Amino acid sequence: MQLSFRGHDLVLDPSGALFWPRHRLLAVADLHLEKGAAFARRGSLLPPYDTHATLARLEGLVRSLAPETVVSLGDGFHDREGPDTLSPDLFDRLSALTRAVRWIWITGNHDPLLPLALGGAALSELVLDGLVFRHQPAAASGIAGHLHPKARVWSRGRLLCRPCFTADDDRLVLPAFGSFSGGLNVLDPAVSALYPRGFSAYLLGDARVFRFPHAVLAPEPGSSLRRH
């Protein structure tokens, strides 16, 4: 789906990634690589395939869109130990990606430090043609991740719950790209308070993105949240 944002033409991909054709830039948020390994260290076992699945989807996007730059909008890894737990195969696959393009790691709250052995550059934020890419949404305009937005909406008699982008004229928040990343309902104040004048949710479908105004979205079951 095409989105005009602060004078720039962007593409919202049904994978949850953002593509900026003018600069051949691909942005993904909250990969949370090695989340399964992090949970295993804490005694909660998850299937150890999340990094494989996330990298496979990212590799497919890089092949199909041929970006010149990839920006990971923070929380690329689930914790600081994540890079050290990568298997040799996963390390090589990720390193191949960072060598194939100009790769930028935006530091996040889960990964404030990133090892340069993986390749790429680590920044707190990136500013390009007036657009600011950061991890956490801020009072100023920009493109961010962190919140893992998802939305619930009635469609053709069914209640759908899908990850989504959220946007108004000033702020754009990407859904989490990671396979085990979960989501936060966009009617939660952590998301909706960013948009005092209202916003649109762009829900991810299998092959396209669907726009819904915030007024038609549904809260979580049993929640006291209301539409603003």
Protein backbone atom coordinates (compact mmCIF):
# COMPACT_ATOMS: atom_id res chain seq x y z
CA MET A 1 0.00 0.00 0.00
CA GLN A 2 1.25 3.47 -0.90
CA LEU A 3 1.36 6.00 1.93
CA SER A 4 2.16 9.69 1.61
CA PHE A 5 3.94 10.64 4.83
CA ARG A 6 5.37 14.12 5.43
CA GLY A 7 5.74 14.68 1.70
CA HIS A 8 7.36 11.33 0.93
CA ASP A 9 5.90 8.32 -0.88
CA LEU A 10 6.36 5.18 1.20
CA VAL A 11 5.20 1.60 0.73
CA LEU A 12 3.64 -0.39 3.57
CA ASP A 13 4.41 -4.04 2.87
CA PRO A 14 2.11 -6.84 4.12
CA SER A 15 5.15 -8.40 5.80
CA GLY A 16 5.18 -5.45 8.21
CA ALA A 17 8.19 -3.81 6.59
CA LEU A 18 8.37 -0.26 5.24
CA PHE A 19 9.95 0.48 1.86
CA TRP A 20 11.03 3.95 0.69
CA PRO A 21 11.52 3.65 -3.08
CA ARG A 22 13.28 6.98 -3.52
CA HIS A 23 16.19 5.84 -1.37
CA ARG A 24 15.80 2.08 -1.88
CA LEU A 25 15.48 1.87 1.90
CA LEU A 26 13.83 -1.03 3.73
CA ALA A 27 12.92 -0.57 7.41
CA VAL A 28 11.87 -3.32 9.80
CA ALA A 29 11.07 -3.00 13.49
CA ASP A 30 11.58 -5.27 16.48
CA LEU A 31 13.13 -8.36 14.97
CA HIS A 32 13.76 -9.70 18.50
CA LEU A 33 16.21 -12.25 17.15
CA GLU A 34 17.06 -15.09 19.56
CA LYS A 35 13.99 -14.49 21.72
CA GLY A 36 13.53 -18.24 22.00
CA ALA A 37 17.10 -18.60 23.29
CA ALA A 38 16.53 -15.78 25.79
CA PHE A 39 13.42 -17.48 27.18
CA ALA A 40 15.28 -20.79 27.38
CA ARG A 41 17.97 -19.18 29.56
CA ARG A 42 15.17 -18.14 31.92
CA GLY A 43 13.63 -21.59 32.04
CA SER A 44 10.68 -20.98 29.68
CA LEU A 45 11.15 -23.14 26.63
CA LEU A 46 9.94 -21.89 23.26
CA PRO A 47 10.52 -23.63 19.92
CA PRO A 48 14.04 -22.54 18.90
CA TYR A 49 13.10 -21.52 15.37
CA ASP A 50 12.13 -17.86 15.69
CA THR A 51 15.42 -16.50 14.37
CA HIS A 52 15.33 -18.90 11.40
CA ALA A 53 11.79 -17.83 10.52
CA THR A 54 12.45 -14.11 10.93
CA LEU A 55 15.64 -14.19 8.87
CA ALA A 56 13.93 -16.22 6.13
CA ARG A 57 11.24 -13.56 5.77
CA LEU A 58 13.83 -10.78 5.79
CA GLU A 59 16.00 -12.56 3.23
CA GLY A 60 12.96 -12.91 0.98
CA LEU A 61 12.23 -9.18 1.20
CA VAL A 62 15.82 -8.27 0.38
CA ARG A 63 15.69 -10.52 -2.68
CA SER A 64 12.36 -9.19 -3.92
CA LEU A 65 12.79 -5.48 -3.18
CA ALA A 66 16.56 -5.19 -3.71
CA PRO A 67 17.07 -2.39 -1.17
CA GLU A 68 20.32 -0.47 -0.96
CA THR A 69 19.83 0.22 2.75
CA VAL A 70 18.19 -1.82 5.51
CA VAL A 71 17.30 -0.15 8.80
CA SER A 72 16.49 -2.24 11.85
CA LEU A 73 14.45 0.07 14.09
CA GLY A 74 15.74 -1.19 17.43
CA ASP A 75 15.34 -4.42 19.38
CA GLY A 76 17.01 -6.30 16.58
CA PHE A 77 17.95 -8.79 19.28
CA HIS A 78 15.80 -9.72 22.25
CA ASP A 79 18.59 -9.08 24.74
CA ARG A 80 22.29 -8.29 24.97
CA GLU A 81 23.27 -11.97 24.91
CA GLY A 82 21.41 -12.59 21.66
CA PRO A 83 24.32 -12.06 19.24
CA ASP A 84 26.45 -14.52 21.24
CA THR A 85 23.81 -17.27 21.05
CA LEU A 86 23.57 -17.27 17.25
CA SER A 87 24.52 -20.60 15.73
CA PRO A 88 27.29 -20.44 13.09
CA ASP A 89 24.65 -20.88 10.38
CA LEU A 90 22.51 -18.02 11.68
CA PHE A 91 25.56 -15.80 12.20
CA ASP A 92 26.63 -16.40 8.59
CA ARG A 93 23.12 -15.70 7.25
CA LEU A 94 22.82 -12.45 9.17
CA SER A 95 26.35 -11.39 8.24
CA ALA A 96 25.56 -12.06 4.58
CA LEU A 97 22.62 -9.66 4.84
CA THR A 98 24.66 -6.92 6.51
CA ARG A 99 27.34 -7.25 3.83
CA ALA A 100 24.90 -7.23 0.92
CA VAL A 101 23.42 -3.81 1.74
CA ARG A 102 24.13 -0.72 3.77
CA TRP A 103 22.86 -2.00 7.11
CA ILE A 104 21.93 0.27 10.03
CA TRP A 105 21.10 -1.00 13.50
CA ILE A 106 19.06 1.53 15.48
CA THR A 107 19.71 0.74 19.13
CA GLY A 108 16.69 -0.25 21.22
CA ASN A 109 15.78 -0.82 24.84
CA HIS A 110 16.47 -4.56 24.48
CA ASP A 111 19.76 -4.11 22.61
CA PRO A 112 21.43 -0.82 23.58
CA LEU A 113 24.80 -2.28 22.51
CA LEU A 114 25.40 -4.24 19.31
CA PRO A 115 28.59 -6.12 18.32
CA LEU A 116 30.19 -4.71 15.21
CA ALA A 117 31.35 -8.24 14.27
CA LEU A 118 27.90 -8.74 12.74
CA GLY A 119 28.49 -5.89 10.33
CA GLY A 120 26.55 -2.69 9.80
CA ALA A 121 26.54 0.59 11.71
CA ALA A 122 24.86 1.23 15.07
CA LEU A 123 23.04 4.56 15.55
CA SER A 124 20.60 5.97 18.10
CA GLU A 125 18.56 7.42 15.23
CA LEU A 126 18.81 8.07 11.50
CA VAL A 127 17.70 11.29 9.79
CA LEU A 128 17.21 11.18 6.02
CA ASP A 129 15.46 13.83 3.92
CA GLY A 130 13.74 15.17 7.02
CA LEU A 131 12.41 11.78 8.16
CA VAL A 132 13.63 10.57 11.55
CA PHE A 133 13.98 6.83 12.14
CA ARG A 134 14.19 5.84 15.81
CA HIS A 135 13.22 2.98 18.09
CA GLN A 136 10.72 4.58 20.48
CA PRO A 137 8.07 7.01 19.24
CA ALA A 138 8.69 10.54 20.46
CA ALA A 139 6.79 13.79 20.80
CA ALA A 140 8.41 14.95 17.57
CA SER A 141 7.43 13.49 14.22
CA GLY A 142 9.14 10.36 13.02
CA ILE A 143 9.09 6.67 12.12
CA ALA A 144 9.48 4.19 14.95
CA GLY A 145 8.78 0.71 16.28
CA HIS A 146 8.87 -0.49 19.91
CA LEU A 147 5.11 -0.72 20.52
CA HIS A 148 4.32 -3.84 18.44
CA PRO A 149 0.91 -2.44 17.37
CA LYS A 150 -1.96 -4.75 16.49
CA ALA A 151 -5.63 -4.00 15.84
CA ARG A 152 -8.98 -5.78 16.11
CA VAL A 153 -11.75 -5.02 13.65
CA TRP A 154 -15.03 -6.54 12.50
CA SER A 155 -14.95 -7.47 8.82
CA ARG A 156 -17.62 -9.46 6.99
CA GLY A 157 -19.05 -10.74 10.24
CA ARG A 158 -15.71 -11.86 11.65
CA LEU A 159 -13.52 -10.23 14.28
CA LEU A 160 -10.00 -10.03 12.91
CA CYS A 161 -6.89 -9.38 14.95
CA ARG A 162 -3.79 -8.48 12.98
CA PRO A 163 -0.47 -6.67 13.41
CA CYS A 164 -0.63 -3.21 11.89
CA PHE A 165 1.07 0.05 11.11
CA THR A 166 -0.36 3.14 12.81
CA ALA A 167 -0.03 6.61 11.34
CA ASP A 168 -1.25 10.17 11.29
CA ASP A 169 0.36 13.15 9.56
CA ASP A 170 3.33 13.21 11.95
CA ARG A 171 4.04 9.74 13.36
CA LEU A 172 4.31 6.32 11.79
CA VAL A 173 4.78 3.20 13.93
CA LEU A 174 5.72 -0.13 12.37
CA PRO A 175 4.49 -3.52 13.56
CA ALA A 176 7.00 -5.93 15.03
CA PHE A 177 8.67 -8.06 12.35
CA GLY A 178 9.95 -10.79 14.67
CA SER A 179 8.25 -14.17 14.66
CA PHE A 180 7.74 -14.34 18.46
CA SER A 181 7.13 -10.64 19.01
CA GLY A 182 3.46 -10.43 20.08
CA GLY A 183 1.45 -7.21 19.93
CA LEU A 184 -0.28 -4.38 21.79
CA ASN A 185 -3.81 -3.27 20.91
CA VAL A 186 -3.65 0.16 19.30
CA LEU A 187 -6.46 1.41 21.57
CA ASP A 188 -4.11 1.03 24.53
CA PRO A 189 -3.06 4.51 25.71
CA ALA A 190 0.59 3.67 25.02
CA VAL A 191 -0.33 3.80 21.33
CA SER A 192 -3.46 5.93 21.07
CA ALA A 193 -2.01 8.78 23.16
CA LEU A 194 0.50 9.38 20.38
CA TYR A 195 -2.39 10.42 18.15
CA PRO A 196 -4.59 12.97 19.94
CA ARG A 197 -6.33 13.87 16.67
CA GLY A 198 -6.93 10.26 15.67
CA PHE A 199 -5.05 7.86 13.45
CA SER A 200 -5.36 5.14 10.85
CA ALA A 201 -4.44 1.51 11.39
CA TYR A 202 -3.03 -0.38 8.41
CA LEU A 203 -3.68 -4.05 9.06
CA LEU A 204 -1.46 -6.71 7.53
CA GLY A 205 -3.21 -9.13 5.21
CA ASP A 206 -1.74 -12.12 3.42
CA ALA A 207 -1.08 -10.19 0.23
CA ARG A 208 -2.01 -6.57 0.92
CA VAL A 209 -2.45 -3.96 3.65
CA PHE A 210 -5.90 -2.71 4.68
CA ARG A 211 -6.58 0.75 6.12
CA PHE A 212 -9.10 1.31 8.92
CA PRO A 213 -9.82 4.55 10.81
CA HIS A 214 -9.27 4.23 14.55
CA ALA A 215 -12.97 4.84 15.24
CA VAL A 216 -13.97 1.39 13.93
CA LEU A 217 -11.37 -0.59 15.87
CA ALA A 218 -12.28 -2.88 18.75
CA PRO A 219 -10.64 -3.19 22.18
CA GLU A 220 -9.46 -6.44 23.68
CA PRO A 221 -12.19 -8.66 25.19
CA GLY A 222 -13.04 -7.51 28.71
CA SER A 223 -10.97 -4.36 28.32
CA SER A 224 -12.16 -1.01 29.64
CA LEU A 225 -10.45 0.72 26.71
CA ARG A 226 -12.66 2.83 24.51
CA ARG A 227 -12.17 4.41 21.13
CA HIS A 228 -10.95 8.01 21.24
